[in-house]
Amino acid sequence: MVSGLGAKTINVRNESHKDVEVFRGAVCDNGAPIATVGPHSSSFGVHPDRTEGIHVKDGVVASFRVNCRDED
């Protein structure tokens, strides 16, 4: 995700039946998630900070993955 035009945070809306994890940077391997959004839920004001090696003028960069683990 890339958000520009002076953005400092992102809003995440999850309309699926799975958890969505949000990470700093363009890939999901930058440590622990900065937010986890449950099924049919939203999270506002997620602050991804700066990411080393990626610069977006007046914006933020984050990535997400859908947690597809099987639940009994």
PDB file of N, CA and C in Angstrom:
ATOM      1  N   MET A   1       0.842  -1.157   0.000  1.00  0.00           N
ATOM      2  CA  MET A   1       0.000   0.000   0.000  1.00  0.00           C
ATOM      3  C   MET A   1       0.895   1.230   0.000  1.00  0.00           C
ATOM      4  N   VAL A   2       0.541   2.205  -0.762  1.00  0.00           N
ATOM      5  CA  VAL A   2       1.232   3.492  -0.749  1.00  0.00           C
ATOM      6  C   VAL A   2       0.167   4.557  -0.589  1.00  0.00           C
ATOM      7  N   SER A   3       0.381   5.440   0.375  1.00  0.00           N
ATOM      8  CA  SER A   3      -0.539   6.537   0.583  1.00  0.00           C
ATOM      9  C   SER A   3       0.246   7.837   0.508  1.00  0.00           C
ATOM     10  N   GLY A   4      -0.173   8.733  -0.321  1.00  0.00           N
ATOM     11  CA  GLY A   4       0.556   9.977  -0.526  1.00  0.00           C
ATOM     12  C   GLY A   4      -0.232  11.193  -0.107  1.00  0.00           C
ATOM     13  N   LEU A   5       0.102  12.310  -0.719  1.00  0.00           N
ATOM     14  CA  LEU A   5      -0.575  13.583  -0.473  1.00  0.00           C
ATOM     15  C   LEU A   5      -0.523  14.002   0.990  1.00  0.00           C
ATOM     16  N   GLY A   6       0.640  13.802   1.618  1.00  0.00           N
ATOM     17  CA  GLY A   6       0.819  14.248   2.991  1.00  0.00           C
ATOM     18  C   GLY A   6       0.359  13.279   4.055  1.00  0.00           C
ATOM     19  N   ALA A   7       0.013  12.067   3.671  1.00  0.00           N
ATOM     20  CA  ALA A   7      -0.473  11.084   4.642  1.00  0.00           C
ATOM     21  C   ALA A   7       0.624  10.695   5.633  1.00  0.00           C
ATOM     22  N   LYS A   8       0.255  10.534   6.869  1.00  0.00           N
ATOM     23  CA  LYS A   8       1.164  10.043   7.909  1.00  0.00           C
ATOM     24  C   LYS A   8       0.680   8.709   8.469  1.00  0.00           C
ATOM     25  N   THR A   9      -0.583   8.379   8.216  1.00  0.00           N
ATOM     26  CA  THR A   9      -1.177   7.127   8.692  1.00  0.00           C
ATOM     27  C   THR A   9      -2.008   6.507   7.574  1.00  0.00           C
ATOM     28  N   ILE A  10      -2.409   5.252   7.796  1.00  0.00           N
ATOM     29  CA  ILE A  10      -3.305   4.572   6.856  1.00  0.00           C
ATOM     30  C   ILE A  10      -4.502   4.017   7.621  1.00  0.00           C
ATOM     31  N   ASN A  11      -5.585   3.843   6.922  1.00  0.00           N
ATOM     32  CA  ASN A  11      -6.778   3.211   7.467  1.00  0.00           C
ATOM     33  C   ASN A  11      -6.945   1.867   6.785  1.00  0.00           C
ATOM     34  N   VAL A  12      -7.257   0.842   7.556  1.00  0.00           N
ATOM     35  CA  VAL A  12      -7.398  -0.510   7.013  1.00  0.00           C
ATOM     36  C   VAL A  12      -8.818  -0.987   7.266  1.00  0.00           C
ATOM     37  N   ARG A  13      -9.468  -1.445   6.222  1.00  0.00           N
ATOM     38  CA  ARG A  13     -10.822  -1.981   6.337  1.00  0.00           C
ATOM     39  C   ARG A  13     -10.796  -3.418   5.834  1.00  0.00           C
ATOM     40  N   ASN A  14     -11.227  -4.342   6.654  1.00  0.00           N
ATOM     41  CA  ASN A  14     -11.199  -5.762   6.320  1.00  0.00           C
ATOM     42  C   ASN A  14     -12.626  -6.269   6.188  1.00  0.00           C
ATOM     43  N   GLU A  15     -13.008  -6.631   4.972  1.00  0.00           N
ATOM     44  CA  GLU A  15     -14.351  -7.147   4.724  1.00  0.00           C
ATOM     45  C   GLU A  15     -14.352  -8.653   4.499  1.00  0.00           C
ATOM     46  N   SER A  16     -13.248  -9.319   4.857  1.00  0.00           N
ATOM     47  CA  SER A  16     -13.139 -10.764   4.650  1.00  0.00           C
ATOM     48  C   SER A  16     -13.469 -11.517   5.947  1.00  0.00           C
ATOM     49  N   HIS A  17     -13.396 -12.837   5.869  1.00  0.00           N
ATOM     50  CA  HIS A  17     -13.604 -13.707   7.029  1.00  0.00           C
ATOM     51  C   HIS A  17     -12.281 -14.072   7.690  1.00  0.00           C
ATOM     52  N   LYS A  18     -11.183 -13.490   7.259  1.00  0.00           N
ATOM     53  CA  LYS A  18      -9.839 -13.796   7.756  1.00  0.00           C
ATOM     54  C   LYS A  18      -9.243 -12.576   8.451  1.00  0.00           C
ATOM     55  N   ASP A  19      -8.174 -12.799   9.235  1.00  0.00           N
ATOM     56  CA  ASP A  19      -7.413 -11.693   9.825  1.00  0.00           C
ATOM     57  C   ASP A  19      -6.493 -11.096   8.771  1.00  0.00           C
ATOM     58  N   VAL A  20      -6.285  -9.792   8.824  1.00  0.00           N
ATOM     59  CA  VAL A  20      -5.338  -9.099   7.952  1.00  0.00           C
ATOM     60  C   VAL A  20      -4.249  -8.498   8.841  1.00  0.00           C
ATOM     61  N   GLU A  21      -2.984  -8.783   8.508  1.00  0.00           N
ATOM     62  CA  GLU A  21      -1.849  -8.238   9.238  1.00  0.00           C
ATOM     63  C   GLU A  21      -1.192  -7.157   8.392  1.00  0.00           C
ATOM     64  N   VAL A  22      -0.853  -6.026   9.019  1.00  0.00           N
ATOM     65  CA  VAL A  22      -0.255  -4.888   8.325  1.00  0.00           C
ATOM     66  C   VAL A  22       1.192  -4.736   8.810  1.00  0.00           C
ATOM     67  N   PHE A  23       2.122  -4.537   7.855  1.00  0.00           N
ATOM     68  CA  PHE A  23       3.548  -4.447   8.145  1.00  0.00           C
ATOM     69  C   PHE A  23       4.122  -3.143   7.614  1.00  0.00           C
ATOM     70  N   ARG A  24       5.261  -2.734   8.193  1.00  0.00           N
ATOM     71  CA  ARG A  24       6.005  -1.595   7.663  1.00  0.00           C
ATOM     72  C   ARG A  24       6.661  -1.998   6.357  1.00  0.00           C
ATOM     73  N   GLY A  25       6.719  -1.091   5.396  1.00  0.00           N
ATOM     74  CA  GLY A  25       7.467  -1.313   4.166  1.00  0.00           C
ATOM     75  C   GLY A  25       6.682  -2.035   3.087  1.00  0.00           C
ATOM     76  N   ALA A  26       7.385  -2.310   1.987  1.00  0.00           N
ATOM     77  CA  ALA A  26       6.755  -2.868   0.795  1.00  0.00           C
ATOM     78  C   ALA A  26       6.596  -4.382   0.834  1.00  0.00           C
ATOM     79  N   VAL A  27       7.225  -5.048   1.805  1.00  0.00           N
ATOM     80  CA  VAL A  27       7.113  -6.505   1.934  1.00  0.00           C
ATOM     81  C   VAL A  27       6.761  -6.857   3.381  1.00  0.00           C
ATOM     82  N   CYS A  28       6.262  -8.059   3.584  1.00  0.00           N
ATOM     83  CA  CYS A  28       5.773  -8.476   4.904  1.00  0.00           C
ATOM     84  C   CYS A  28       6.846  -9.131   5.768  1.00  0.00           C
ATOM     85  N   ASP A  29       8.122  -8.889   5.494  1.00  0.00           N
ATOM     86  CA  ASP A  29       9.181  -9.527   6.282  1.00  0.00           C
ATOM     87  C   ASP A  29       9.982  -8.514   7.098  1.00  0.00           C
ATOM     88  N   ASN A  30       9.350  -7.402   7.467  1.00  0.00           N
ATOM     89  CA  ASN A  30      10.017  -6.371   8.261  1.00  0.00           C
ATOM     90  C   ASN A  30       9.652  -6.470   9.737  1.00  0.00           C
ATOM     91  N   GLY A  31       9.661  -7.682  10.275  1.00  0.00           N
ATOM     92  CA  GLY A  31       9.367  -7.872  11.693  1.00  0.00           C
ATOM     93  C   GLY A  31       7.905  -8.151  11.959  1.00  0.00           C
ATOM     94  N   ALA A  32       7.507  -7.883  13.183  1.00  0.00           N
ATOM     95  CA  ALA A  32       6.140  -8.150  13.619  1.00  0.00           C
ATOM     96  C   ALA A  32       5.159  -7.185  12.957  1.00  0.00           C
ATOM     97  N   PRO A  33       3.895  -7.601  12.820  1.00  0.00           N
ATOM     98  CA  PRO A  33       2.900  -6.689  12.255  1.00  0.00           C
ATOM     99  C   PRO A  33       2.692  -5.469  13.143  1.00  0.00           C
ATOM    100  N   ILE A  34       2.404  -4.337  12.508  1.00  0.00           N
ATOM    101  CA  ILE A  34       2.121  -3.118  13.264  1.00  0.00           C
ATOM    102  C   ILE A  34       0.632  -3.011  13.589  1.00  0.00           C
ATOM    103  N   ALA A  35      -0.169  -3.837  12.920  1.00  0.00           N
ATOM    104  CA  ALA A  35      -1.604  -3.895  13.210  1.00  0.00           C
ATOM    105  C   ALA A  35      -2.156  -5.227  12.726  1.00  0.00           C
ATOM    106  N   THR A  36      -3.122  -5.746  13.440  1.00  0.00           N
ATOM    107  CA  THR A  36      -3.880  -6.919  13.007  1.00  0.00           C
ATOM    108  C   THR A  36      -5.346  -6.518  13.033  1.00  0.00           C
ATOM    109  N   VAL A  37      -6.006  -6.695  11.893  1.00  0.00           N
ATOM    110  CA  VAL A  37      -7.405  -6.294  11.765  1.00  0.00           C
ATOM    111  C   VAL A  37      -8.234  -7.552  11.596  1.00  0.00           C
ATOM    112  N   GLY A  38      -9.145  -7.781  12.512  1.00  0.00           N
ATOM    113  CA  GLY A  38      -9.970  -8.981  12.495  1.00  0.00           C
ATOM    114  C   GLY A  38     -11.019  -8.953  11.396  1.00  0.00           C
ATOM    115  N   PRO A  39     -11.698 -10.091  11.224  1.00  0.00           N
ATOM    116  CA  PRO A  39     -12.736 -10.204  10.196  1.00  0.00           C
ATOM    117  C   PRO A  39     -13.817  -9.132  10.355  1.00  0.00           C
ATOM    118  N   HIS A  40     -14.218  -8.564   9.238  1.00  0.00           N
ATOM    119  CA  HIS A  40     -15.288  -7.560   9.199  1.00  0.00           C
ATOM    120  C   HIS A  40     -15.034  -6.437  10.204  1.00  0.00           C
ATOM    121  N   SER A  41     -13.813  -5.902  10.183  1.00  0.00           N
ATOM    122  CA  SER A  41     -13.415  -4.885  11.146  1.00  0.00           C
ATOM    123  C   SER A  41     -12.592  -3.815  10.446  1.00  0.00           C
ATOM    124  N   SER A  42     -12.274  -2.743  11.162  1.00  0.00           N
ATOM    125  CA  SER A  42     -11.472  -1.647  10.615  1.00  0.00           C
ATOM    126  C   SER A  42     -10.480  -1.161  11.652  1.00  0.00           C
ATOM    127  N   SER A  43      -9.403  -0.573  11.167  1.00  0.00           N
ATOM    128  CA  SER A  43      -8.417   0.062  12.041  1.00  0.00           C
ATOM    129  C   SER A  43      -8.026   1.384  11.401  1.00  0.00           C
ATOM    130  N   PHE A  44      -8.118   2.455  12.162  1.00  0.00           N
ATOM    131  CA  PHE A  44      -7.843   3.776  11.632  1.00  0.00           C
ATOM    132  C   PHE A  44      -6.599   4.347  12.290  1.00  0.00           C
ATOM    133  N   GLY A  45      -5.821   5.114  11.544  1.00  0.00           N
ATOM    134  CA  GLY A  45      -4.655   5.785  12.090  1.00  0.00           C
ATOM    135  C   GLY A  45      -3.450   4.889  12.308  1.00  0.00           C
ATOM    136  N   VAL A  46      -3.303   3.823  11.503  1.00  0.00           N
ATOM    137  CA  VAL A  46      -2.130   2.946  11.613  1.00  0.00           C
ATOM    138  C   VAL A  46      -0.923   3.730  11.107  1.00  0.00           C
ATOM    139  N   HIS A  47       0.123   3.816  11.918  1.00  0.00           N
ATOM    140  CA  HIS A  47       1.292   4.651  11.615  1.00  0.00           C
ATOM    141  C   HIS A  47       2.484   3.767  11.256  1.00  0.00           C
ATOM    142  N   PRO A  48       2.792   3.592   9.958  1.00  0.00           N
ATOM    143  CA  PRO A  48       3.875   2.696   9.560  1.00  0.00           C
ATOM    144  C   PRO A  48       5.290   3.252   9.711  1.00  0.00           C
ATOM    145  N   ASP A  49       5.478   4.502  10.111  1.00  0.00           N
ATOM    146  CA  ASP A  49       6.806   5.107  10.235  1.00  0.00           C
ATOM    147  C   ASP A  49       7.551   5.079   8.898  1.00  0.00           C
ATOM    148  N   ARG A  50       8.828   5.337   8.959  1.00  0.00           N
ATOM    149  CA  ARG A  50       9.667   5.322   7.753  1.00  0.00           C
ATOM    150  C   ARG A  50      10.243   3.937   7.536  1.00  0.00           C
ATOM    151  N   THR A  51      10.477   3.592   6.276  1.00  0.00           N
ATOM    152  CA  THR A  51      11.059   2.310   5.924  1.00  0.00           C
ATOM    153  C   THR A  51      12.399   2.541   5.261  1.00  0.00           C
ATOM    154  N   GLU A  52      13.400   1.848   5.724  1.00  0.00           N
ATOM    155  CA  GLU A  52      14.741   1.982   5.171  1.00  0.00           C
ATOM    156  C   GLU A  52      14.754   1.546   3.707  1.00  0.00           C
ATOM    157  N   GLY A  53      15.333   2.365   2.851  1.00  0.00           N
ATOM    158  CA  GLY A  53      15.472   2.031   1.438  1.00  0.00           C
ATOM    159  C   GLY A  53      14.311   2.452   0.558  1.00  0.00           C
ATOM    160  N   ILE A  54      13.207   2.890   1.171  1.00  0.00           N
ATOM    161  CA  ILE A  54      12.037   3.323   0.395  1.00  0.00           C
ATOM    162  C   ILE A  54      11.673   4.725   0.851  1.00  0.00           C
ATOM    163  N   HIS A  55      11.525   5.619  -0.104  1.00  0.00           N
ATOM    164  CA  HIS A  55      11.135   6.987   0.247  1.00  0.00           C
ATOM    165  C   HIS A  55       9.946   7.397  -0.609  1.00  0.00           C
ATOM    166  N   VAL A  56       8.876   7.771   0.044  1.00  0.00           N
ATOM    167  CA  VAL A  56       7.690   8.297  -0.624  1.00  0.00           C
ATOM    168  C   VAL A  56       7.522   9.719  -0.119  1.00  0.00           C
ATOM    169  N   LYS A  57       7.635  10.673  -1.030  1.00  0.00           N
ATOM    170  CA  LYS A  57       7.514  12.068  -0.630  1.00  0.00           C
ATOM    171  C   LYS A  57       6.101  12.336  -0.112  1.00  0.00           C
ATOM    172  N   ASP A  58       6.029  12.851   1.102  1.00  0.00           N
ATOM    173  CA  ASP A  58       4.749  13.186   1.739  1.00  0.00           C
ATOM    174  C   ASP A  58       3.778  12.013   1.764  1.00  0.00           C
ATOM    175  N   GLY A  59       4.259  10.829   2.136  1.00  0.00           N
ATOM    176  CA  GLY A  59       3.377   9.675   2.206  1.00  0.00           C
ATOM    177  C   GLY A  59       3.964   8.547   3.021  1.00  0.00           C
ATOM    178  N   VAL A  60       3.275   7.423   3.054  1.00  0.00           N
ATOM    179  CA  VAL A  60       3.705   6.247   3.809  1.00  0.00           C
ATOM    180  C   VAL A  60       3.588   4.997   2.942  1.00  0.00           C
ATOM    181  N   VAL A  61       4.356   3.962   3.314  1.00  0.00           N
ATOM    182  CA  VAL A  61       4.331   2.673   2.613  1.00  0.00           C
ATOM    183  C   VAL A  61       4.086   1.580   3.638  1.00  0.00           C
ATOM    184  N   ALA A  62       3.193   0.670   3.345  1.00  0.00           N
ATOM    185  CA  ALA A  62       2.931  -0.477   4.209  1.00  0.00           C
ATOM    186  C   ALA A  62       2.542  -1.658   3.326  1.00  0.00           C
ATOM    187  N   SER A  63       2.606  -2.848   3.881  1.00  0.00           N
ATOM    188  CA  SER A  63       2.178  -4.054   3.164  1.00  0.00           C
ATOM    189  C   SER A  63       1.205  -4.813   4.058  1.00  0.00           C
ATOM    190  N   PHE A  64       0.498  -5.746   3.471  1.00  0.00           N
ATOM    191  CA  PHE A  64      -0.435  -6.534   4.264  1.00  0.00           C
ATOM    192  C   PHE A  64      -0.468  -7.959   3.756  1.00  0.00           C
ATOM    193  N   ARG A  65      -0.896  -8.858   4.629  1.00  0.00           N
ATOM    194  CA  ARG A  65      -1.147 -10.237   4.215  1.00  0.00           C
ATOM    195  C   ARG A  65      -2.386 -10.725   4.940  1.00  0.00           C
ATOM    196  N   VAL A  66      -3.085 -11.618   4.266  1.00  0.00           N
ATOM    197  CA  VAL A  66      -4.284 -12.224   4.834  1.00  0.00           C
ATOM    198  C   VAL A  66      -3.871 -13.521   5.501  1.00  0.00           C
ATOM    199  N   ASN A  67      -4.228 -13.679   6.753  1.00  0.00           N
ATOM    200  CA  ASN A  67      -3.866 -14.868   7.498  1.00  0.00           C
ATOM    201  C   ASN A  67      -4.864 -15.970   7.142  1.00  0.00           C
ATOM    202  N   CYS A  68      -4.388 -16.970   6.424  1.00  0.00           N
ATOM    203  CA  CYS A  68      -5.262 -18.041   5.922  1.00  0.00           C
ATOM    204  C   CYS A  68      -5.148 -19.329   6.719  1.00  0.00           C
ATOM    205  N   ARG A  69      -4.781 -19.239   7.992  1.00  0.00           N
ATOM    206  CA  ARG A  69      -4.637 -20.457   8.784  1.00  0.00           C
ATOM    207  C   ARG A  69      -5.998 -21.143   8.949  1.00  0.00           C
ATOM    208  N   ASP A  70      -5.957 -22.444   8.986  1.00  0.00           N
ATOM    209  CA  ASP A  70      -7.177 -23.222   9.185  1.00  0.00           C
ATOM    210  C   ASP A  70      -7.520 -23.237  10.664  1.00  0.00           C
ATOM    211  N   GLU A  71      -8.758 -22.997  10.968  1.00  0.00           N
ATOM    212  CA  GLU A  71      -9.204 -23.037  12.354  1.00  0.00           C
ATOM    213  C   GLU A  71     -10.211 -24.171  12.507  1.00  0.00           C
ATOM    214  N   ASP A  72     -10.073 -24.906  13.586  1.00  0.00           N
ATOM    215  CA  ASP A  72     -10.973 -26.055  13.821  1.00  0.00           C
ATOM    216  C   ASP A  72     -12.277 -25.615  14.431  1.00  0.00           C
TER     217      ASP A  72
END
